[in-house]
């Protein structure tokens, strides 16, 4: 590890989410303060963090709150690490080409050796550079559709909270919202040391999301396709997924052969009929685990499974958690009901 502090450019732009921007800035600038409480921490920060502006030095963020940049990106010709914070994605649709000067600058910083990082939806700007083509990435699950539409050559791994890509590990991307914690802790552990990362995590009550993003993912099937018959089948399934043989019933209602129905359903939705039903059932089970105290066997039956063991295996495969662990993680604490 170098004795010289690493220069971090934390990007701000009109779509930036202030919570991510300010959280990252505060944590990475905390070393001198924390050394008061932990004498093993350096009194001199291993990072020199500055807010870099995409345009004017003073600009509003997505919430309307202004942020003043310390330098404009046009004045930064070298940096060690760039962090693109979460950005607002209006109506869930990312419009490419809105920040050409930022995209060009990111490519220039990469060319001179910088590590490019993103939090949440900030990866959309990294993706515009073309540098992630053929690589893995992660982001907030809510924007997966627009990401895949715009960047089909990038392998989106929504189940991962943190993705580190590139031969030199020069791309670091974190997933949804507060998983910027994982990004910051990774940077601290990698460049300052594991003890420093542990101290930062304890002081700010940050956590590694070691369960991944799979427990947080919501099944959001698209109805935005041109196959009206399959759309009708999807709407029917929404109400009848818990019956004993939903795929057979749905196929019979369509008037198509089993083979033709499966082909068209997969083409329209991206899922096989049985996988689609499984996702609907698990999504319904998640809501019951969060909102009721019903036994897992009862919830299994409610969503269409008489064999609770089969349900438990499916639930863990799709969420990477057991039903019991999911309930402990996501059910409201007692005080929240008062």
Foldseek 3Di string as FASTA:
>chain_A
DDPAAFEEEEEADAFADVVQSVVLVCLQPCQLVLCVVPVVTDNDRSHDYWYEYLDAQWDAHPVRHIDGGPYYLVPDQEGAEYEYEDGDDPVLADDPPPRVVVLVSVVSHVVVHHQYEYEANSVLSVVSNVPQFQEEAEHELSNVVNCCVVRVRYHYDHQAQWDQDDPVSSYIYGYYDLSVLVVSLVVCCVRPNNVRSVSSCVVVVGDHPVLGCLQVDADDWDLPDDDPLLSVLVVVCLVVLQDACSLVVSCVVSVDDSVVVQVVNCVGTVDGVVVVSLNSLLNQLLVCLQEHPDDLCVSCNVSHHNDSVVNQVSNCVRRVDGSVVSSVVRHDDPVVVD
